[in-house]
Full PDB file with SEQRES, HELIX, SHEET, SSBOND, CRYST1, ORIGX, SCALE, CONECT and MASTER records, all heavy atoms in Angstrom:
SEQRES   1 A   40  GLY VAL THR PHE GLN VAL TYR ARG PRO ALA GLY ARG PRO          
SEQRES   2 A   40  ARG TYR ALA THR GLU VAL PRO ASP ARG PRO SER CYS PRO          
SEQRES   3 A   40  ARG LEU PRO HIS ARG VAL ARG THR ALA SER CYS ARG ALA          
SEQRES   4 A   40  ARG                                                          
HELIX    1 AA1 HIS A   30  ALA A   39  1                                  10    
CRYST1    1.000    1.000    1.000  90.00  90.00  90.00 P 1           1          
ORIGX1      1.000000  0.000000  0.000000        0.00000                         
ORIGX2      0.000000  1.000000  0.000000        0.00000                         
ORIGX3      0.000000  0.000000  1.000000        0.00000                         
SCALE1      1.000000  0.000000  0.000000        0.00000                         
SCALE2      0.000000  1.000000  0.000000        0.00000                         
SCALE3      0.000000  0.000000  1.000000        0.00000                         
ATOM      1  N   GLY A   1       0.744  -1.260   0.080  1.00  0.00           N  
ATOM      2  CA  GLY A   1      -0.070   0.001  -0.036  1.00  0.00           C  
ATOM      3  C   GLY A   1       0.826   1.277   0.039  1.00  0.00           C  
ATOM      4  O   GLY A   1       0.308   2.452   0.162  1.00  0.00           O  
ATOM      5  N   VAL A   2       2.147   1.265  -0.171  1.00  0.00           N  
ATOM      6  CA  VAL A   2       2.948   2.498  -0.327  1.00  0.00           C  
ATOM      7  C   VAL A   2       2.884   2.921  -1.675  1.00  0.00           C  
ATOM      8  O   VAL A   2       3.131   2.209  -2.702  1.00  0.00           O  
ATOM      9  CB  VAL A   2       4.443   2.139   0.079  1.00  0.00           C  
ATOM     10  CG1 VAL A   2       5.317   3.383   0.043  1.00  0.00           C  
ATOM     11  CG2 VAL A   2       4.570   1.522   1.488  1.00  0.00           C  
ATOM     12  N   THR A   3       2.563   4.177  -1.829  1.00  0.00           N  
ATOM     13  CA  THR A   3       2.343   4.792  -3.175  1.00  0.00           C  
ATOM     14  C   THR A   3       3.666   5.567  -3.488  1.00  0.00           C  
ATOM     15  O   THR A   3       3.959   6.480  -2.696  1.00  0.00           O  
ATOM     16  CB  THR A   3       1.169   5.654  -3.173  1.00  0.00           C  
ATOM     17  OG1 THR A   3      -0.006   4.936  -2.841  1.00  0.00           O  
ATOM     18  CG2 THR A   3       0.935   6.218  -4.648  1.00  0.00           C  
ATOM     19  N   PHE A   4       4.269   5.287  -4.630  1.00  0.00           N  
ATOM     20  CA  PHE A   4       5.316   6.111  -5.242  1.00  0.00           C  
ATOM     21  C   PHE A   4       4.786   7.104  -6.249  1.00  0.00           C  
ATOM     22  O   PHE A   4       4.172   6.689  -7.158  1.00  0.00           O  
ATOM     23  CB  PHE A   4       6.325   5.215  -5.946  1.00  0.00           C  
ATOM     24  CG  PHE A   4       7.232   4.536  -4.941  1.00  0.00           C  
ATOM     25  CD1 PHE A   4       6.901   3.465  -4.323  1.00  0.00           C  
ATOM     26  CD2 PHE A   4       8.631   5.004  -4.789  1.00  0.00           C  
ATOM     27  CE1 PHE A   4       7.712   2.654  -3.445  1.00  0.00           C  
ATOM     28  CE2 PHE A   4       9.535   4.265  -4.001  1.00  0.00           C  
ATOM     29  CZ  PHE A   4       8.995   3.124  -3.368  1.00  0.00           C  
ATOM     30  N   GLN A   5       4.902   8.318  -5.841  1.00  0.00           N  
ATOM     31  CA  GLN A   5       4.322   9.379  -6.784  1.00  0.00           C  
ATOM     32  C   GLN A   5       5.523  10.302  -7.169  1.00  0.00           C  
ATOM     33  O   GLN A   5       6.409  10.764  -6.298  1.00  0.00           O  
ATOM     34  CB  GLN A   5       3.428  10.330  -5.912  1.00  0.00           C  
ATOM     35  CG  GLN A   5       2.274   9.657  -5.355  1.00  0.00           C  
ATOM     36  CD  GLN A   5       1.211   9.380  -6.306  1.00  0.00           C  
ATOM     37  OE1 GLN A   5       1.291   8.272  -7.152  1.00  0.00           O  
ATOM     38  NE2 GLN A   5       0.070  10.153  -6.550  1.00  0.00           N  
ATOM     39  N   VAL A   6       5.905  10.483  -8.408  1.00  0.00           N  
ATOM     40  CA  VAL A   6       6.950  11.249  -9.011  1.00  0.00           C  
ATOM     41  C   VAL A   6       6.330  12.550  -9.731  1.00  0.00           C  
ATOM     42  O   VAL A   6       5.514  12.305 -10.490  1.00  0.00           O  
ATOM     43  CB  VAL A   6       7.743  10.464 -10.123  1.00  0.00           C  
ATOM     44  CG1 VAL A   6       8.782  11.300 -10.476  1.00  0.00           C  
ATOM     45  CG2 VAL A   6       8.141   9.029  -9.332  1.00  0.00           C  
ATOM     46  N   TYR A   7       6.709  13.659  -9.180  1.00  0.00           N  
ATOM     47  CA  TYR A   7       6.196  14.884  -9.689  1.00  0.00           C  
ATOM     48  C   TYR A   7       7.277  15.776 -10.217  1.00  0.00           C  
ATOM     49  O   TYR A   7       8.430  15.716  -9.947  1.00  0.00           O  
ATOM     50  CB  TYR A   7       5.552  15.642  -8.547  1.00  0.00           C  
ATOM     51  CG  TYR A   7       4.263  15.055  -7.981  1.00  0.00           C  
ATOM     52  CD1 TYR A   7       4.425  14.298  -6.800  1.00  0.00           C  
ATOM     53  CD2 TYR A   7       3.123  15.110  -8.664  1.00  0.00           C  
ATOM     54  CE1 TYR A   7       3.263  13.742  -6.211  1.00  0.00           C  
ATOM     55  CE2 TYR A   7       1.920  14.599  -8.062  1.00  0.00           C  
ATOM     56  CZ  TYR A   7       2.123  13.835  -6.839  1.00  0.00           C  
ATOM     57  OH  TYR A   7       0.907  13.284  -6.329  1.00  0.00           O  
ATOM     58  N   ARG A   8       6.905  16.607 -11.084  1.00  0.00           N  
ATOM     59  CA  ARG A   8       7.684  17.780 -11.601  1.00  0.00           C  
ATOM     60  C   ARG A   8       7.152  19.055 -11.219  1.00  0.00           C  
ATOM     61  O   ARG A   8       5.905  19.381 -11.643  1.00  0.00           O  
ATOM     62  CB  ARG A   8       7.899  17.671 -13.157  1.00  0.00           C  
ATOM     63  CG  ARG A   8       8.746  18.706 -13.712  1.00  0.00           C  
ATOM     64  CD  ARG A   8       9.026  18.562 -15.129  1.00  0.00           C  
ATOM     65  NE  ARG A   8       7.768  18.400 -16.007  1.00  0.00           N  
ATOM     66  CZ  ARG A   8       7.485  17.488 -16.866  1.00  0.00           C  
ATOM     67  NH1 ARG A   8       8.432  16.694 -17.176  1.00  0.00           N  
ATOM     68  NH2 ARG A   8       6.360  17.500 -17.487  1.00  0.00           N  
ATOM     69  N   PRO A   9       7.748  19.996 -10.580  1.00  0.00           N  
ATOM     70  CA  PRO A   9       7.151  21.261 -10.273  1.00  0.00           C  
ATOM     71  C   PRO A   9       6.735  21.973 -11.453  1.00  0.00           C  
ATOM     72  O   PRO A   9       7.504  21.970 -12.493  1.00  0.00           O  
ATOM     73  CB  PRO A   9       8.268  22.034  -9.593  1.00  0.00           C  
ATOM     74  CG  PRO A   9       9.136  20.973  -8.898  1.00  0.00           C  
ATOM     75  CD  PRO A   9       9.141  19.805  -9.949  1.00  0.00           C  
ATOM     76  N   ALA A  10       5.632  22.622 -11.391  1.00  0.00           N  
ATOM     77  CA  ALA A  10       4.956  23.313 -12.563  1.00  0.00           C  
ATOM     78  C   ALA A  10       4.524  24.647 -12.448  1.00  0.00           C  
ATOM     79  O   ALA A  10       3.470  25.094 -12.727  1.00  0.00           O  
ATOM     80  CB  ALA A  10       3.868  22.378 -13.124  1.00  0.00           C  
ATOM     81  N   GLY A  11       5.255  25.468 -11.543  1.00  0.00           N  
ATOM     82  CA  GLY A  11       5.018  26.824 -11.316  1.00  0.00           C  
ATOM     83  C   GLY A  11       3.748  27.033 -10.325  1.00  0.00           C  
ATOM     84  O   GLY A  11       3.620  26.147  -9.393  1.00  0.00           O  
ATOM     85  N   ARG A  12       3.122  28.001 -10.443  1.00  0.00           N  
ATOM     86  CA  ARG A  12       2.014  28.498  -9.532  1.00  0.00           C  
ATOM     87  C   ARG A  12       0.730  27.579  -9.981  1.00  0.00           C  
ATOM     88  O   ARG A  12       0.466  27.444 -11.138  1.00  0.00           O  
ATOM     89  CB  ARG A  12       1.617  29.959  -9.634  1.00  0.00           C  
ATOM     90  CG  ARG A  12       2.678  30.799  -8.999  1.00  0.00           C  
ATOM     91  CD  ARG A  12       2.689  30.680  -7.461  1.00  0.00           C  
ATOM     92  NE  ARG A  12       1.344  30.845  -6.914  1.00  0.00           N  
ATOM     93  CZ  ARG A  12       0.724  32.071  -6.716  1.00  0.00           C  
ATOM     94  NH1 ARG A  12       1.284  33.205  -7.152  1.00  0.00           N  
ATOM     95  NH2 ARG A  12      -0.459  32.097  -6.207  1.00  0.00           N  
ATOM     96  N   PRO A  13      -0.039  27.215  -9.044  1.00  0.00           N  
ATOM     97  CA  PRO A  13      -1.332  26.568  -9.372  1.00  0.00           C  
ATOM     98  C   PRO A  13      -2.376  27.619  -9.945  1.00  0.00           C  
ATOM     99  O   PRO A  13      -2.185  28.755  -9.935  1.00  0.00           O  
ATOM    100  CB  PRO A  13      -1.931  26.150  -7.878  1.00  0.00           C  
ATOM    101  CG  PRO A  13      -0.725  26.335  -7.066  1.00  0.00           C  
ATOM    102  CD  PRO A  13       0.134  27.391  -7.557  1.00  0.00           C  
ATOM    103  N   ARG A  14      -3.404  27.005 -10.698  1.00  0.00           N  
ATOM    104  CA  ARG A  14      -4.356  27.825 -11.268  1.00  0.00           C  
ATOM    105  C   ARG A  14      -5.549  27.709 -10.252  1.00  0.00           C  
ATOM    106  O   ARG A  14      -5.967  26.648  -9.924  1.00  0.00           O  
ATOM    107  CB  ARG A  14      -4.701  27.350 -12.459  1.00  0.00           C  
ATOM    108  CG  ARG A  14      -3.731  27.661 -13.627  1.00  0.00           C  
ATOM    109  CD  ARG A  14      -4.094  27.244 -14.997  1.00  0.00           C  
ATOM    110  NE  ARG A  14      -4.371  25.799 -15.156  1.00  0.00           N  
ATOM    111  CZ  ARG A  14      -4.815  25.247 -16.182  1.00  0.00           C  
ATOM    112  NH1 ARG A  14      -5.234  25.946 -17.265  1.00  0.00           N  
ATOM    113  NH2 ARG A  14      -5.010  23.979 -16.224  1.00  0.00           N  
ATOM    114  N   TYR A  15      -6.231  28.803  -9.951  1.00  0.00           N  
ATOM    115  CA  TYR A  15      -7.347  28.738  -9.046  1.00  0.00           C  
ATOM    116  C   TYR A  15      -8.570  29.278  -9.805  1.00  0.00           C  
ATOM    117  O   TYR A  15      -8.461  30.070 -10.706  1.00  0.00           O  
ATOM    118  CB  TYR A  15      -7.106  29.676  -7.802  1.00  0.00           C  
ATOM    119  CG  TYR A  15      -5.986  29.301  -6.904  1.00  0.00           C  
ATOM    120  CD1 TYR A  15      -4.785  29.905  -7.088  1.00  0.00           C  
ATOM    121  CD2 TYR A  15      -6.093  28.193  -6.029  1.00  0.00           C  
ATOM    122  CE1 TYR A  15      -3.604  29.478  -6.234  1.00  0.00           C  
ATOM    123  CE2 TYR A  15      -5.111  27.778  -5.117  1.00  0.00           C  
ATOM    124  CZ  TYR A  15      -3.935  28.471  -5.354  1.00  0.00           C  
ATOM    125  OH  TYR A  15      -2.821  27.996  -4.564  1.00  0.00           O  
ATOM    126  N   ALA A  16      -9.706  28.758  -9.369  1.00  0.00           N  
ATOM    127  CA  ALA A  16     -11.027  29.196  -9.977  1.00  0.00           C  
ATOM    128  C   ALA A  16     -11.259  30.652  -9.708  1.00  0.00           C  
ATOM    129  O   ALA A  16     -11.038  31.063  -8.601  1.00  0.00           O  
ATOM    130  CB  ALA A  16     -12.169  28.332  -9.438  1.00  0.00           C  
ATOM    131  N   THR A  17     -11.509  31.445 -10.561  1.00  0.00           N  
ATOM    132  CA  THR A  17     -11.908  32.822 -10.380  1.00  0.00           C  
ATOM    133  C   THR A  17     -13.326  33.269 -10.653  1.00  0.00           C  
ATOM    134  O   THR A  17     -13.679  34.328 -10.174  1.00  0.00           O  
ATOM    135  CB  THR A  17     -11.098  33.621 -11.388  1.00  0.00           C  
ATOM    136  OG1 THR A  17     -11.439  33.226 -12.789  1.00  0.00           O  
ATOM    137  CG2 THR A  17      -9.501  33.397 -11.199  1.00  0.00           C  
ATOM    138  N   GLU A  18     -14.212  32.185 -11.035  1.00  0.00           N  
ATOM    139  CA  GLU A  18     -15.633  32.536 -11.122  1.00  0.00           C  
ATOM    140  C   GLU A  18     -16.391  31.670 -10.221  1.00  0.00           C  
ATOM    141  O   GLU A  18     -16.114  30.465 -10.108  1.00  0.00           O  
ATOM    142  CB  GLU A  18     -16.116  32.510 -12.579  1.00  0.00           C  
ATOM    143  CG  GLU A  18     -15.379  33.433 -13.509  1.00  0.00           C  
ATOM    144  CD  GLU A  18     -15.846  33.360 -14.958  1.00  0.00           C  
ATOM    145  OE1 GLU A  18     -16.674  32.423 -15.199  1.00  0.00           O  
ATOM    146  OE2 GLU A  18     -15.320  34.174 -15.833  1.00  0.00           O  
ATOM    147  N   VAL A  19     -17.466  32.141  -9.790  1.00  0.00           N  
ATOM    148  CA  VAL A  19     -18.323  31.323  -8.952  1.00  0.00           C  
ATOM    149  C   VAL A  19     -19.644  30.963  -9.773  1.00  0.00           C  
ATOM    150  O   VAL A  19     -20.238  31.774 -10.221  1.00  0.00           O  
ATOM    151  CB  VAL A  19     -18.907  32.080  -7.666  1.00  0.00           C  
ATOM    152  CG1 VAL A  19     -19.897  31.165  -6.955  1.00  0.00           C  
ATOM    153  CG2 VAL A  19     -17.764  32.481  -6.743  1.00  0.00           C  
ATOM    154  N   PRO A  20     -19.842  29.650 -10.048  1.00  0.00           N  
ATOM    155  CA  PRO A  20     -20.878  29.348 -10.949  1.00  0.00           C  
ATOM    156  C   PRO A  20     -22.171  29.700 -10.372  1.00  0.00           C  
ATOM    157  O   PRO A  20     -22.377  29.797  -9.106  1.00  0.00           O  
ATOM    158  CB  PRO A  20     -20.756  27.760 -11.036  1.00  0.00           C  
ATOM    159  CG  PRO A  20     -19.975  27.413  -9.806  1.00  0.00           C  
ATOM    160  CD  PRO A  20     -19.068  28.622  -9.535  1.00  0.00           C  
ATOM    161  N   ASP A  21     -23.277  29.955 -11.245  1.00  0.00           N  
ATOM    162  CA  ASP A  21     -24.563  30.183 -10.781  1.00  0.00           C  
ATOM    163  C   ASP A  21     -25.190  29.055 -10.036  1.00  0.00           C  
ATOM    164  O   ASP A  21     -24.804  27.881 -10.278  1.00  0.00           O  
ATOM    165  CB  ASP A  21     -25.502  30.483 -11.950  1.00  0.00           C  
ATOM    166  CG  ASP A  21     -25.219  31.799 -12.526  1.00  0.00           C  
ATOM    167  OD1 ASP A  21     -24.514  32.689 -11.896  1.00  0.00           O  
ATOM    168  OD2 ASP A  21     -25.466  32.000 -13.771  1.00  0.00           O  
ATOM    169  N   ARG A  22     -25.922  29.240  -8.955  1.00  0.00           N  
ATOM    170  CA  ARG A  22     -26.554  28.219  -8.225  1.00  0.00           C  
ATOM    171  C   ARG A  22     -27.685  27.558  -9.191  1.00  0.00           C  
ATOM    172  O   ARG A  22     -28.309  28.207  -9.975  1.00  0.00           O  
ATOM    173  CB  ARG A  22     -27.284  28.828  -7.070  1.00  0.00           C  
ATOM    174  CG  ARG A  22     -26.293  29.334  -6.018  1.00  0.00           C  
ATOM    175  CD  ARG A  22     -26.994  30.149  -4.973  1.00  0.00           C  
ATOM    176  NE  ARG A  22     -27.752  29.290  -4.075  1.00  0.00           N  
ATOM    177  CZ  ARG A  22     -28.567  29.634  -3.160  1.00  0.00           C  
ATOM    178  NH1 ARG A  22     -28.855  30.910  -3.027  1.00  0.00           N  
ATOM    179  NH2 ARG A  22     -29.247  28.769  -2.404  1.00  0.00           N  
ATOM    180  N   PRO A  23     -27.718  26.306  -9.141  1.00  0.00           N  
ATOM    181  CA  PRO A  23     -28.679  25.568 -10.020  1.00  0.00           C  
ATOM    182  C   PRO A  23     -30.158  26.021  -9.706  1.00  0.00           C  
ATOM    183  O   PRO A  23     -30.527  26.340  -8.629  1.00  0.00           O  
ATOM    184  CB  PRO A  23     -28.460  24.021  -9.719  1.00  0.00           C  
ATOM    185  CG  PRO A  23     -27.929  24.054  -8.226  1.00  0.00           C  
ATOM    186  CD  PRO A  23     -27.108  25.437  -8.112  1.00  0.00           C  
ATOM    187  N   SER A  24     -30.890  26.091 -10.757  1.00  0.00           N  
ATOM    188  CA  SER A  24     -32.293  26.407 -10.567  1.00  0.00           C  
ATOM    189  C   SER A  24     -33.040  25.156 -10.208  1.00  0.00           C  
ATOM    190  O   SER A  24     -32.544  24.121 -10.058  1.00  0.00           O  
ATOM    191  CB  SER A  24     -32.890  26.867 -11.958  1.00  0.00           C  
ATOM    192  OG  SER A  24     -32.781  25.933 -12.973  1.00  0.00           O  
ATOM    193  N   CYS A  25     -34.365  25.373  -9.840  1.00  0.00           N  
ATOM    194  CA  CYS A  25     -35.116  24.274  -9.315  1.00  0.00           C  
ATOM    195  C   CYS A  25     -35.264  23.154 -10.363  1.00  0.00           C  
ATOM    196  O   CYS A  25     -35.535  23.420 -11.556  1.00  0.00           O  
ATOM    197  CB  CYS A  25     -36.480  24.748  -9.040  1.00  0.00           C  
ATOM    198  SG  CYS A  25     -36.545  25.948  -7.620  1.00  0.00           S  
ATOM    199  N   PRO A  26     -35.110  22.019  -9.976  1.00  0.00           N  
ATOM    200  CA  PRO A  26     -35.425  20.765 -10.868  1.00  0.00           C  
ATOM    201  C   PRO A  26     -36.750  20.844 -11.491  1.00  0.00           C  
ATOM    202  O   PRO A  26     -37.767  21.384 -10.936  1.00  0.00           O  
ATOM    203  CB  PRO A  26     -35.258  19.558  -9.961  1.00  0.00           C  
ATOM    204  CG  PRO A  26     -34.467  20.042  -8.879  1.00  0.00           C  
ATOM    205  CD  PRO A  26     -34.873  21.436  -8.592  1.00  0.00           C  
ATOM    206  N   ARG A  27     -36.935  20.420 -12.709  1.00  0.00           N  
ATOM    207  CA  ARG A  27     -38.228  20.345 -13.410  1.00  0.00           C  
ATOM    208  C   ARG A  27     -38.999  19.200 -12.974  1.00  0.00           C  
ATOM    209  O   ARG A  27     -39.191  18.239 -13.791  1.00  0.00           O  
ATOM    210  CB  ARG A  27     -37.877  20.321 -14.924  1.00  0.00           C  
ATOM    211  CG  ARG A  27     -37.189  21.455 -15.454  1.00  0.00           C  
ATOM    212  CD  ARG A  27     -37.963  22.751 -15.322  1.00  0.00           C  
ATOM    213  NE  ARG A  27     -37.229  23.813 -15.972  1.00  0.00           N  
ATOM    214  CZ  ARG A  27     -37.653  25.139 -16.011  1.00  0.00           C  
ATOM    215  NH1 ARG A  27     -38.929  25.340 -15.564  1.00  0.00           N  
ATOM    216  NH2 ARG A  27     -36.967  25.981 -16.578  1.00  0.00           N  
ATOM    217  N   LEU A  28     -39.408  19.221 -11.818  1.00  0.00           N  
ATOM    218  CA  LEU A  28     -40.260  18.123 -11.182  1.00  0.00           C  
ATOM    219  C   LEU A  28     -41.710  18.825 -10.836  1.00  0.00           C  
ATOM    220  O   LEU A  28     -41.714  20.081 -10.558  1.00  0.00           O  
ATOM    221  CB  LEU A  28     -39.814  17.600  -9.913  1.00  0.00           C  
ATOM    222  CG  LEU A  28     -38.514  16.819 -10.147  1.00  0.00           C  
ATOM    223  CD1 LEU A  28     -37.944  16.262  -8.748  1.00  0.00           C  
ATOM    224  CD2 LEU A  28     -38.612  15.507 -11.045  1.00  0.00           C  
ATOM    225  N   PRO A  29     -42.749  18.071 -10.826  1.00  0.00           N  
ATOM    226  CA  PRO A  29     -44.068  18.660 -10.464  1.00  0.00           C  
ATOM    227  C   PRO A  29     -43.901  19.295  -9.067  1.00  0.00           C  
ATOM    228  O   PRO A  29     -43.252  18.731  -8.222  1.00  0.00           O  
ATOM    229  CB  PRO A  29     -44.989  17.405 -10.365  1.00  0.00           C  
ATOM    230  CG  PRO A  29     -44.339  16.522 -11.238  1.00  0.00           C  
ATOM    231  CD  PRO A  29     -42.856  16.710 -11.214  1.00  0.00           C  
ATOM    232  N   HIS A  30     -44.480  20.539  -8.849  1.00  0.00           N  
ATOM    233  CA  HIS A  30     -44.357  21.215  -7.612  1.00  0.00           C  
ATOM    234  C   HIS A  30     -44.714  20.383  -6.493  1.00  0.00           C  
ATOM    235  O   HIS A  30     -44.104  20.557  -5.401  1.00  0.00           O  
ATOM    236  CB  HIS A  30     -45.097  22.553  -7.601  1.00  0.00           C  
ATOM    237  CG  HIS A  30     -44.958  23.333  -6.447  1.00  0.00           C  
ATOM    238  ND1 HIS A  30     -45.875  23.595  -5.514  1.00  0.00           N  
ATOM    239  CD2 HIS A  30     -43.858  23.938  -5.911  1.00  0.00           C  
ATOM    240  CE1 HIS A  30     -45.422  24.278  -4.555  1.00  0.00           C  
ATOM    241  NE2 HIS A  30     -44.184  24.556  -4.621  1.00  0.00           N  
ATOM    242  N   ARG A  31     -45.806  19.515  -6.600  1.00  0.00           N  
ATOM    243  CA  ARG A  31     -46.199  18.766  -5.290  1.00  0.00           C  
ATOM    244  C   ARG A  31     -45.207  17.744  -5.006  1.00  0.00           C  
ATOM    245  O   ARG A  31     -45.038  17.429  -3.755  1.00  0.00           O  
ATOM    246  CB  ARG A  31     -47.491  18.159  -5.670  1.00  0.00           C  
ATOM    247  CG  ARG A  31     -47.576  17.145  -6.770  1.00  0.00           C  
ATOM    248  CD  ARG A  31     -48.898  16.462  -6.938  1.00  0.00           C  
ATOM    249  NE  ARG A  31     -49.019  15.536  -8.001  1.00  0.00           N  
ATOM    250  CZ  ARG A  31     -49.093  15.759  -9.303  1.00  0.00           C  
ATOM    251  NH1 ARG A  31     -49.181  17.018  -9.679  1.00  0.00           N  
ATOM    252  NH2 ARG A  31     -49.096  14.750 -10.257  1.00  0.00           N  
ATOM    253  N   VAL A  32     -44.509  17.217  -6.025  1.00  0.00           N  
ATOM    254  CA  VAL A  32     -43.358  16.311  -5.657  1.00  0.00           C  
ATOM    255  C   VAL A  32     -42.320  16.936  -4.962  1.00  0.00           C  
ATOM    256  O   VAL A  32     -41.735  16.473  -4.064  1.00  0.00           O  
ATOM    257  CB  VAL A  32     -42.812  15.608  -6.995  1.00  0.00           C  
ATOM    258  CG1 VAL A  32     -41.809  14.682  -6.605  1.00  0.00           C  
ATOM    259  CG2 VAL A  32     -44.093  14.687  -7.650  1.00  0.00           C  
ATOM    260  N   ARG A  33     -41.917  18.135  -5.547  1.00  0.00           N  
ATOM    261  CA  ARG A  33     -40.833  18.914  -4.873  1.00  0.00           C  
ATOM    262  C   ARG A  33     -41.140  19.261  -3.506  1.00  0.00           C  
ATOM    263  O   ARG A  33     -40.294  19.172  -2.529  1.00  0.00           O  
ATOM    264  CB  ARG A  33     -40.468  20.178  -5.694  1.00  0.00           C  
ATOM    265  CG  ARG A  33     -39.905  19.790  -7.128  1.00  0.00           C  
ATOM    266  CD  ARG A  33     -39.231  20.997  -7.611  1.00  0.00           C  
ATOM    267  NE  ARG A  33     -40.053  22.245  -7.752  1.00  0.00           N  
ATOM    268  CZ  ARG A  33     -40.766  22.556  -8.866  1.00  0.00           C  
ATOM    269  NH1 ARG A  33     -40.617  21.805  -9.934  1.00  0.00           N  
ATOM    270  NH2 ARG A  33     -41.514  23.719  -8.855  1.00  0.00           N  
ATOM    271  N   THR A  34     -42.339  19.697  -3.279  1.00  0.00           N  
ATOM    272  CA  THR A  34     -42.800  20.226  -1.964  1.00  0.00           C  
ATOM    273  C   THR A  34     -42.896  19.062  -1.035  1.00  0.00           C  
ATOM    274  O   THR A  34     -42.324  19.264   0.193  1.00  0.00           O  
ATOM    275  CB  THR A  34     -44.165  20.784  -1.966  1.00  0.00           C  
ATOM    276  OG1 THR A  34     -44.113  21.910  -3.006  1.00  0.00           O  
ATOM    277  CG2 THR A  34     -44.717  21.382  -0.738  1.00  0.00           C  
ATOM    278  N   ALA A  35     -43.230  17.973  -1.279  1.00  0.00           N  
ATOM    279  CA  ALA A  35     -43.384  16.695  -0.396  1.00  0.00           C  
ATOM    280  C   ALA A  35     -41.918  16.433   0.006  1.00  0.00           C  
ATOM    281  O   ALA A  35     -41.656  16.114   1.127  1.00  0.00           O  
ATOM    282  CB  ALA A  35     -44.137  15.615  -1.029  1.00  0.00           C  
ATOM    283  N   SER A  36     -41.039  16.311  -1.065  1.00  0.00           N  
ATOM    284  CA  SER A  36     -39.766  15.892  -0.744  1.00  0.00           C  
ATOM    285  C   SER A  36     -38.967  16.884   0.074  1.00  0.00           C  
ATOM    286  O   SER A  36     -38.227  16.346   0.995  1.00  0.00           O  
ATOM    287  CB  SER A  36     -38.981  15.771  -2.113  1.00  0.00           C  
ATOM    288  OG  SER A  36     -37.621  15.503  -1.849  1.00  0.00           O  
ATOM    289  N   CYS A  37     -39.189  18.077  -0.080  1.00  0.00           N  
ATOM    290  CA  CYS A  37     -38.461  19.126   0.757  1.00  0.00           C  
ATOM    291  C   CYS A  37     -39.097  19.166   2.066  1.00  0.00           C  
ATOM    292  O   CYS A  37     -38.292  19.439   2.995  1.00  0.00           O  
ATOM    293  CB  CYS A  37     -38.640  20.521   0.097  1.00  0.00           C  
ATOM    294  SG  CYS A  37     -37.667  20.546  -1.426  1.00  0.00           S  
ATOM    295  N   ARG A  38     -40.378  18.927   2.268  1.00  0.00           N  
ATOM    296  CA  ARG A  38     -40.889  18.890   3.586  1.00  0.00           C  
ATOM    297  C   ARG A  38     -40.252  17.852   4.517  1.00  0.00           C  
ATOM    298  O   ARG A  38     -39.754  18.027   5.656  1.00  0.00           O  
ATOM    299  CB  ARG A  38     -42.446  18.781   3.698  1.00  0.00           C  
ATOM    300  CG  ARG A  38     -43.176  19.951   3.145  1.00  0.00           C  
ATOM    301  CD  ARG A  38     -44.714  19.817   3.727  1.00  0.00           C  
ATOM    302  NE  ARG A  38     -45.497  20.897   3.113  1.00  0.00           N  
ATOM    303  CZ  ARG A  38     -46.414  20.677   2.225  1.00  0.00           C  
ATOM    304  NH1 ARG A  38     -46.537  19.447   1.679  1.00  0.00           N  
ATOM    305  NH2 ARG A  38     -47.088  21.645   1.829  1.00  0.00           N  
ATOM    306  N   ALA A  39     -40.027  16.766   3.779  1.00  0.00           N  
ATOM    307  CA  ALA A  39     -39.324  15.513   4.448  1.00  0.00           C  
ATOM    308  C   ALA A  39     -37.899  15.897   4.873  1.00  0.00           C  
ATOM    309  O   ALA A  39     -37.461  15.323   5.830  1.00  0.00           O  
ATOM    310  CB  ALA A  39     -39.421  14.319   3.622  1.00  0.00           C  
ATOM    311  N   ARG A  40     -37.248  16.721   4.096  1.00  0.00           N  
ATOM    312  CA  ARG A  40     -35.848  17.023   4.348  1.00  0.00           C  
ATOM    313  C   ARG A  40     -35.666  18.422   5.116  1.00  0.00           C  
ATOM    314  O   ARG A  40     -34.569  18.893   5.209  1.00  0.00           O  
ATOM    315  CB  ARG A  40     -35.119  17.190   2.936  1.00  0.00           C  
ATOM    316  CG  ARG A  40     -35.195  15.951   2.172  1.00  0.00           C  
ATOM    317  CD  ARG A  40     -34.400  16.006   0.922  1.00  0.00           C  
ATOM    318  NE  ARG A  40     -34.572  14.889   0.044  1.00  0.00           N  
ATOM    319  CZ  ARG A  40     -33.809  14.562  -0.826  1.00  0.00           C  
ATOM    320  NH1 ARG A  40     -32.763  15.339  -1.130  1.00  0.00           N  
ATOM    321  NH2 ARG A  40     -34.065  13.496  -1.615  1.00  0.00           N  
TER     322      ARG A  40                                                      
MASTER        0    0    0    1    0    0    0    6  321    1    0    4          
END                                                                             
């Protein structure tokens, strides 16, 4: 279970600069969504 990892340095990391939009409501019947969400 010993892992040998060989790396080459590659400068600075790249970081995410944009925050993705939050997903909209799933396309389910409202009564199904409501029942599911009440349970949660």
